[in-house]
Protein backbone atom coordinates (compact mmCIF):
# COMPACT_ATOMS: atom_id res chain seq x y z
CA MET A 1 -33.39 20.57 -89.83
CA SER A 2 -32.50 17.37 -88.28
CA GLY A 3 -29.09 16.82 -86.06
CA PRO A 4 -26.86 14.32 -86.19
CA PRO A 5 -27.42 11.01 -86.07
CA ARG A 6 -27.40 9.89 -82.18
CA TYR A 7 -26.77 6.33 -81.63
CA PHE A 8 -26.01 4.57 -78.00
CA VAL A 9 -23.48 1.95 -76.60
CA ASP A 10 -24.78 -1.07 -75.60
CA ALA A 11 -23.26 -1.53 -71.69
CA TRP A 12 -22.64 -5.29 -71.72
CA ASP A 13 -19.53 -6.71 -73.58
CA PRO A 14 -19.33 -7.68 -76.73
CA ALA A 15 -17.46 -10.75 -75.76
CA TYR A 16 -20.78 -12.22 -74.32
CA GLY A 17 -22.79 -11.25 -76.95
CA ALA A 18 -20.71 -13.16 -80.09
CA SER A 19 -18.31 -15.07 -81.39
CA PHE A 20 -16.04 -15.75 -84.20
CA GLU A 21 -15.10 -19.13 -82.94
CA ALA A 22 -16.26 -22.21 -84.69
CA SER A 23 -16.56 -25.90 -82.65
CA ALA A 24 -14.24 -28.36 -82.84
CA GLY A 25 -14.39 -32.06 -83.91
CA GLY A 26 -15.93 -33.36 -86.68
CA PRO A 27 -18.50 -32.45 -89.18
CA ALA A 28 -22.00 -32.28 -87.23
CA ALA A 29 -24.50 -33.00 -90.01
CA PRO A 30 -24.68 -34.62 -93.28
CA SER A 31 -24.53 -31.70 -96.51
CA SER A 32 -27.46 -31.46 -99.43
CA ALA A 33 -24.50 -30.54 -101.50
CA GLN A 34 -24.01 -32.46 -104.51
CA VAL A 35 -20.97 -34.20 -104.85
CA GLU A 36 -18.38 -35.62 -107.54
CA ALA A 37 -16.55 -37.99 -106.49
CA ASP A 38 -14.78 -39.64 -109.65
CA ALA A 39 -12.52 -37.18 -110.57
CA GLU A 40 -9.39 -38.29 -109.71
CA LEU A 41 -10.27 -42.02 -109.03
CA PRO A 42 -13.46 -43.52 -109.37
CA ALA A 43 -15.94 -43.47 -106.39
CA VAL A 44 -15.74 -47.21 -106.34
CA ASP A 45 -11.75 -47.75 -105.96
CA TRP A 46 -11.11 -44.15 -103.66
CA ARG A 47 -8.57 -44.67 -100.93
CA ALA A 48 -5.40 -42.68 -99.18
CA ILE A 49 -2.87 -41.06 -101.19
CA ASP A 50 0.44 -40.90 -100.46
CA PRO A 51 3.12 -38.22 -101.05
CA ARG A 52 4.12 -38.02 -105.08
CA PRO A 53 8.16 -39.21 -104.88
CA GLN A 54 10.34 -36.63 -105.91
CA LEU A 55 7.74 -33.74 -105.69
CA ARG A 56 9.03 -30.77 -103.80
CA ALA A 57 7.30 -27.98 -101.84
CA PRO A 58 7.43 -24.67 -103.85
CA ASP A 59 10.28 -22.43 -102.61
CA VAL A 60 7.71 -19.50 -101.20
CA VAL A 61 4.97 -20.45 -99.25
CA LEU A 62 2.11 -17.76 -98.87
CA LEU A 63 -0.17 -17.79 -95.63
CA VAL A 64 -2.92 -15.31 -94.97
CA ASP A 65 -5.23 -14.63 -92.38
CA GLY A 66 -8.06 -12.36 -91.02
CA VAL A 67 -9.26 -11.99 -87.06
CA ARG A 68 -12.74 -9.68 -85.93
CA ARG A 69 -13.35 -8.56 -82.81
CA ILE A 70 -16.63 -6.43 -81.95
CA ASP A 71 -15.63 -3.61 -80.14
CA ALA A 72 -19.14 -2.49 -79.28
CA SER A 73 -22.62 -3.45 -80.16
CA VAL A 74 -24.88 0.32 -80.49
CA TRP A 75 -28.20 0.95 -81.20
CA THR A 76 -29.52 4.24 -83.40
CA ALA A 77 -32.08 6.66 -82.64
CA GLU A 78 -34.04 7.76 -85.86
CA ASP A 79 -35.79 11.09 -85.91
CA ASP A 80 -39.14 9.35 -86.51
CA GLY A 81 -38.30 7.46 -83.07
CA ALA A 82 -37.59 4.18 -84.71
CA SER A 83 -34.38 2.43 -83.59
CA PHE A 84 -31.53 -0.16 -85.55
CA PRO A 85 -29.16 -1.73 -83.85
CA GLY A 86 -25.25 -1.88 -84.75
CA ILE A 87 -21.76 -3.13 -84.24
CA ALA A 88 -18.86 -0.99 -84.32
CA ALA A 89 -15.84 -3.91 -85.29
CA SER A 90 -12.42 -3.79 -85.95
CA TYR A 91 -11.09 -6.59 -88.27
CA ALA A 92 -7.46 -6.71 -89.60
CA ALA A 93 -6.26 -8.79 -92.49
CA GLY A 94 -2.37 -9.98 -93.08
CA VAL A 95 -0.15 -12.79 -94.48
CA VAL A 96 3.02 -14.22 -93.43
CA ARG A 97 6.09 -15.11 -95.92
CA CYS A 98 7.63 -18.84 -95.59
CA ASP A 99 10.63 -18.96 -97.86
CA LEU A 100 11.24 -22.55 -97.73
CA GLU A 101 14.71 -22.54 -99.00
CA ARG A 102 16.17 -20.16 -96.26
CA GLY A 103 13.48 -21.68 -93.58
CA VAL A 104 12.32 -18.33 -92.97
CA ALA A 105 9.31 -16.37 -92.02
CA GLU A 106 8.34 -13.23 -92.30
CA LEU A 107 5.34 -10.80 -91.69
CA ALA A 108 4.98 -9.49 -95.40
CA GLY A 109 2.14 -7.21 -95.08
CA ALA A 110 -0.96 -6.52 -92.47
CA ARG A 111 -3.81 -4.03 -92.82
CA VAL A 112 -6.27 -2.66 -89.92
CA GLU A 113 -10.06 -1.21 -90.98
CA ARG A 114 -12.93 -0.96 -88.81
CA GLY A 115 -16.00 -0.14 -88.97
CA LEU A 116 -19.97 0.87 -88.46
CA PHE A 117 -22.07 -2.24 -89.88
CA THR A 118 -26.01 -0.99 -89.73
CA ALA A 119 -29.15 -1.21 -91.26
CA SER A 120 -29.94 2.06 -90.27
CA PRO A 121 -30.79 4.72 -93.16
CA SER A 122 -29.06 7.70 -91.22
CA ALA A 123 -26.19 5.98 -89.81
CA ALA A 124 -23.07 7.95 -90.30
CA GLU A 125 -19.10 7.88 -89.56
CA VAL A 126 -18.29 7.53 -86.12
CA VAL A 127 -14.85 8.92 -85.29
CA CYS A 128 -13.41 8.93 -81.97
CA GLY A 129 -10.17 10.90 -81.65
CA GLN A 130 -8.01 9.57 -84.23
CA VAL A 131 -9.71 6.35 -85.08
CA ARG A 132 -12.81 6.04 -87.31
CA TYR A 133 -15.70 3.45 -88.03
CA PRO A 134 -16.67 4.48 -91.59
CA VAL A 135 -20.66 3.04 -92.00
CA HIS A 136 -21.13 -0.31 -93.68
CA ARG A 137 -24.74 -0.53 -94.66
CA VAL A 138 -26.37 -3.93 -94.27
CA GLY A 139 -29.13 -4.86 -95.81
CA GLY A 140 -32.04 -6.75 -94.83
CA ALA A 141 -34.22 -5.86 -91.38
CA GLY A 142 -30.49 -5.53 -89.55
CA GLU A 143 -31.03 -8.28 -86.87
CA LEU A 144 -28.35 -7.89 -84.63
CA SER A 145 -27.62 -11.77 -84.49
CA LYS A 146 -26.69 -11.02 -88.26
CA LEU A 147 -24.93 -7.83 -88.09
CA PRO A 148 -21.61 -9.84 -87.34
CA ALA A 149 -21.57 -12.12 -90.53
CA ALA A 150 -21.84 -8.53 -92.17
CA VAL A 151 -17.78 -7.65 -91.70
CA GLN A 152 -17.13 -11.61 -93.28
CA GLY A 153 -17.24 -9.52 -96.92
CA PRO A 154 -14.93 -6.39 -95.80
CA LEU A 155 -12.83 -8.76 -94.25
CA THR A 156 -12.42 -10.54 -97.21
CA ALA A 157 -11.79 -8.29 -99.31
CA LEU A 158 -8.79 -6.77 -97.09
CA GLU A 159 -6.96 -9.89 -97.09
CA VAL A 160 -6.74 -10.33 -101.37
CA ALA A 161 -5.70 -6.64 -101.09
CA VAL A 162 -2.49 -7.28 -97.83
CA SER A 163 -1.79 -10.99 -100.40
CA ASP A 164 -2.12 -9.28 -103.89
CA ALA A 165 0.70 -7.26 -102.36
CA ALA A 166 2.90 -9.66 -101.38
CA ARG A 167 2.45 -12.23 -104.09
CA THR A 168 5.53 -13.31 -106.68
CA ASP A 169 5.77 -15.85 -108.95
CA GLY A 170 6.01 -19.60 -108.61
CA ASP A 171 4.42 -19.38 -105.23
CA LEU A 172 1.32 -21.27 -103.25
CA LEU A 173 -1.01 -18.67 -101.38
CA VAL A 174 -2.70 -20.53 -98.33
CA VAL A 175 -6.03 -18.88 -96.98
CA ASP A 176 -7.02 -19.96 -93.86
CA GLY A 177 -11.25 -20.40 -94.52
CA PRO A 178 -13.06 -21.26 -97.75
CA LEU A 179 -12.24 -19.23 -100.81
CA ARG A 180 -15.39 -17.81 -100.82
CA SER A 181 -14.42 -14.89 -103.37
CA ARG A 182 -11.10 -15.82 -103.99
CA ARG A 183 -11.51 -18.24 -106.40
CA GLN A 184 -9.74 -16.23 -108.93
CA LEU A 185 -6.53 -15.90 -107.87
CA PRO A 186 -3.56 -18.40 -109.28
CA ARG A 187 -2.07 -21.13 -107.44
CA THR A 188 -4.31 -21.07 -104.24
CA LEU A 189 -5.61 -23.06 -101.87
CA GLY A 190 -8.73 -22.30 -99.09
CA TYR A 191 -7.57 -24.37 -95.65
CA ILE A 192 -10.52 -25.00 -93.20
CA LYS A 193 -9.41 -26.53 -90.30
CA THR A 194 -12.81 -26.81 -88.41
CA GLN A 195 -15.13 -29.24 -90.28
CA HIS A 196 -18.70 -28.25 -89.79
CA SER A 197 -20.77 -30.24 -93.03
CA GLN A 198 -20.25 -33.86 -93.38
CA TYR A 199 -19.97 -34.14 -97.78
CA LEU A 200 -19.13 -37.30 -98.67
CA ASP A 201 -21.14 -41.01 -97.89
CA ALA A 202 -20.47 -43.01 -95.04
CA ARG A 203 -18.48 -45.47 -97.58
CA LEU A 204 -16.26 -42.72 -98.91
CA THR A 205 -15.95 -41.20 -95.15
CA ALA A 206 -14.15 -43.65 -94.35
CA VAL A 207 -11.58 -43.37 -96.85
CA VAL A 208 -11.25 -39.61 -94.88
CA THR A 209 -11.47 -41.29 -91.15
CA GLY A 210 -8.75 -44.02 -92.00
CA LEU A 211 -5.96 -41.76 -93.61
CA ARG A 212 -2.76 -41.58 -91.59
CA SER A 213 -0.62 -39.03 -91.01
CA GLY A 214 0.60 -37.68 -94.73
CA GLN A 215 -2.10 -38.39 -96.67
CA ARG A 216 -4.73 -37.45 -98.50
CA SER A 217 -8.14 -38.90 -100.36
CA PRO A 218 -8.86 -38.00 -103.23
CA VAL A 219 -10.09 -34.74 -105.11
CA PHE A 220 -13.79 -34.81 -105.86
CA LYS A 221 -15.65 -31.78 -106.80
CA LEU A 222 -18.79 -30.12 -104.72
CA GLY A 223 -21.84 -28.12 -106.44
CA THR A 224 -22.35 -26.10 -103.94
CA ALA A 225 -22.87 -21.72 -104.39
CA TRP A 226 -19.43 -21.81 -103.66
CA GLY A 227 -18.28 -24.87 -105.07
CA GLY A 228 -14.86 -25.82 -106.62
CA TRP A 229 -12.12 -29.02 -105.61
CA SER A 230 -11.79 -30.37 -102.62
CA TRP A 231 -9.93 -32.85 -100.86
CA TYR A 232 -8.93 -33.37 -97.08
CA LEU A 233 -5.75 -34.42 -96.03
CA ARG A 234 -4.41 -36.41 -92.33
CA LEU A 235 -1.68 -33.35 -90.71
CA PRO A 236 0.53 -35.18 -88.42
CA VAL A 237 -0.93 -36.52 -85.39
CA ALA A 238 -0.78 -38.90 -82.61
CA ALA A 239 -3.63 -42.01 -82.67
CA GLY A 240 -7.02 -40.28 -81.70
CA ALA A 241 -11.08 -39.04 -82.27
CA PRO A 242 -11.67 -40.60 -85.70
CA TRP A 243 -11.03 -36.33 -87.49
CA ALA A 244 -8.14 -35.39 -85.23
CA GLY A 245 -5.71 -33.34 -87.55
CA ILE A 246 -8.16 -33.48 -90.63
CA VAL A 247 -8.07 -30.45 -92.87
CA ARG A 248 -10.64 -29.71 -95.74
CA MET A 249 -8.42 -28.35 -98.62
CA GLU A 250 -10.08 -26.30 -101.38
CA CYS A 251 -9.07 -24.71 -105.52
CA SER A 252 -11.09 -23.17 -107.67
CA ALA A 253 -14.23 -24.75 -109.73
CA GLU A 254 -11.99 -22.96 -112.83
CA LEU A 255 -8.77 -25.58 -112.57
CA THR A 256 -9.10 -28.56 -114.73
CA ALA A 257 -9.27 -31.66 -112.24
CA ALA A 258 -5.55 -32.11 -113.76
CA GLU A 259 -4.46 -29.04 -112.44
CA ALA A 260 -6.80 -30.11 -109.04
CA ILE A 261 -5.26 -32.67 -108.61
CA GLU A 262 -1.49 -30.82 -109.24
CA LEU A 263 -2.45 -28.61 -106.25
CA ALA A 264 -3.42 -31.80 -104.18
CA ASP A 265 -0.05 -33.22 -104.02
CA LEU A 266 1.02 -29.62 -103.32
CA SER A 267 -0.74 -29.52 -100.24
CA LEU A 268 0.30 -33.01 -99.44
CA VAL A 269 4.21 -31.84 -99.21
CA THR A 270 3.61 -28.39 -98.11
CA LEU A 271 1.50 -28.08 -95.27
CA PRO A 272 2.54 -30.46 -93.09
CA ARG A 273 5.65 -28.98 -92.29
CA PHE A 274 3.48 -26.02 -90.51
CA ALA A 275 1.62 -28.43 -88.17
CA SER A 276 1.65 -27.53 -84.64
CA THR A 277 1.47 -29.83 -81.60
CA PRO A 278 -0.12 -29.07 -78.71
CA TYR A 279 2.27 -28.36 -75.77
CA LYS A 280 2.46 -24.98 -77.74
CA ASP A 281 -1.10 -25.02 -79.30
CA PRO A 282 -4.51 -25.95 -78.23
CA ARG A 283 -6.01 -25.83 -81.85
CA ALA A 284 -2.91 -28.33 -82.68
CA PRO A 285 -2.25 -29.53 -85.03
CA GLN A 286 -4.72 -27.74 -87.75
CA ASN A 287 -4.03 -24.56 -86.15
CA LEU A 288 -0.63 -23.78 -88.50
CA ILE A 289 2.21 -22.01 -86.60
CA PRO A 290 2.58 -19.06 -89.01
CA ILE A 291 -0.92 -18.97 -89.00
CA ALA A 292 -0.90 -19.01 -84.79
CA GLY A 293 2.11 -16.30 -85.10
CA LEU A 294 -0.26 -14.15 -87.52
CA GLU A 295 -2.92 -14.77 -84.99
CA ARG A 296 -1.68 -12.60 -82.11
CA ARG A 297 0.51 -10.22 -84.75
CA LEU A 298 -3.37 -9.74 -85.57
CA ARG A 299 -5.15 -8.68 -82.62
CA GLY A 300 -2.45 -6.69 -81.26
CA LEU A 301 -2.53 -4.53 -83.94
CA LEU A 302 -6.96 -4.12 -83.04
CA GLY A 303 -5.80 -1.86 -80.23
CA ASP A 304 -6.86 -2.44 -76.72
CA ALA A 305 -10.89 -3.57 -76.97
CA ARG A 306 -11.68 -1.77 -73.44
CA LEU A 307 -10.39 1.60 -74.44
CA LEU A 308 -11.70 1.65 -78.20
CA HIS A 309 -15.39 0.47 -76.11
CA ARG A 310 -14.76 3.33 -73.42
CA ALA A 311 -13.52 6.15 -76.53
CA LEU A 312 -16.91 4.69 -78.64
CA THR A 313 -19.05 5.06 -75.38
CA ALA A 314 -17.38 9.04 -75.02
CA ALA A 315 -18.12 9.84 -78.95
CA ALA A 316 -21.77 8.95 -78.34
CA ARG A 317 -22.41 11.09 -75.34
CA ALA A 318 -20.02 14.03 -77.14
CA GLY A 319 -22.71 14.01 -80.24
CA GLY A 320 -22.88 11.19 -82.29
CA MET A 321 -21.90 10.18 -85.77
CA ARG A 322 -20.19 12.64 -88.23
CA ARG A 323 -21.85 13.16 -91.72
């Protein structure tokens, strides 16, 4: 009868082997996604759109974000002599409740989870004292380079859970990043602060890069696997590069064009007030002030990375995984 499966911790600092930070700047390459540009204005009439007069921001805005970190890279030792790579990861999600009527922002909920992500068929939970890393089995060959992306699914589920617990009638939920599987949530916006793909042709892109602070583009629809309504807006920023201060917003494809336009107008009177400033944040203005504070809080909740790496190493030497 075989004993508990064994694993080994890579001595290399995982910070050098993976990065979750996106590169800055504008779109690097054209996208092949189909774009319906005529949702709000005919493409030939595209122009910058100003805030709608008399429109007020909602009284309550919820901003949700998640962070993730690789605590260690590991390798399993299978009974047949094979070995599979894995990562021991910690991730956390939280939500900030901004009461605009009272001018108060507070943490409305936060949760931390951990996991061992690997394709190993024999992998089992890793226990390091009071800290546990349940197994998240990944499909395919489980290449080490693809394992960090496997953390996104559980992290998104955690973000949904913490935001659901904080929602109230009439609020607006802003998710830091693409909506992905959260498109069914009501009154929810995806906030994409780094632009990787160029979705629009040169003429429409010129409208986007010509936006002044506090203006947005017309709403358009993306025909991608995660397609939905989208628009760009420029946050308050000093004159600079063409894409400086520009973010892309998303909302569910299940909404009507009129509902998407209503949310686009709402975003324009809401998000600029949260924009950060360069002397406080090097990712200004896109890294919204409540999100920056939430990220710091969540990273602190993940625990000391060096201590967790040592604990994982000690657990590996003491007997490996717990069935």
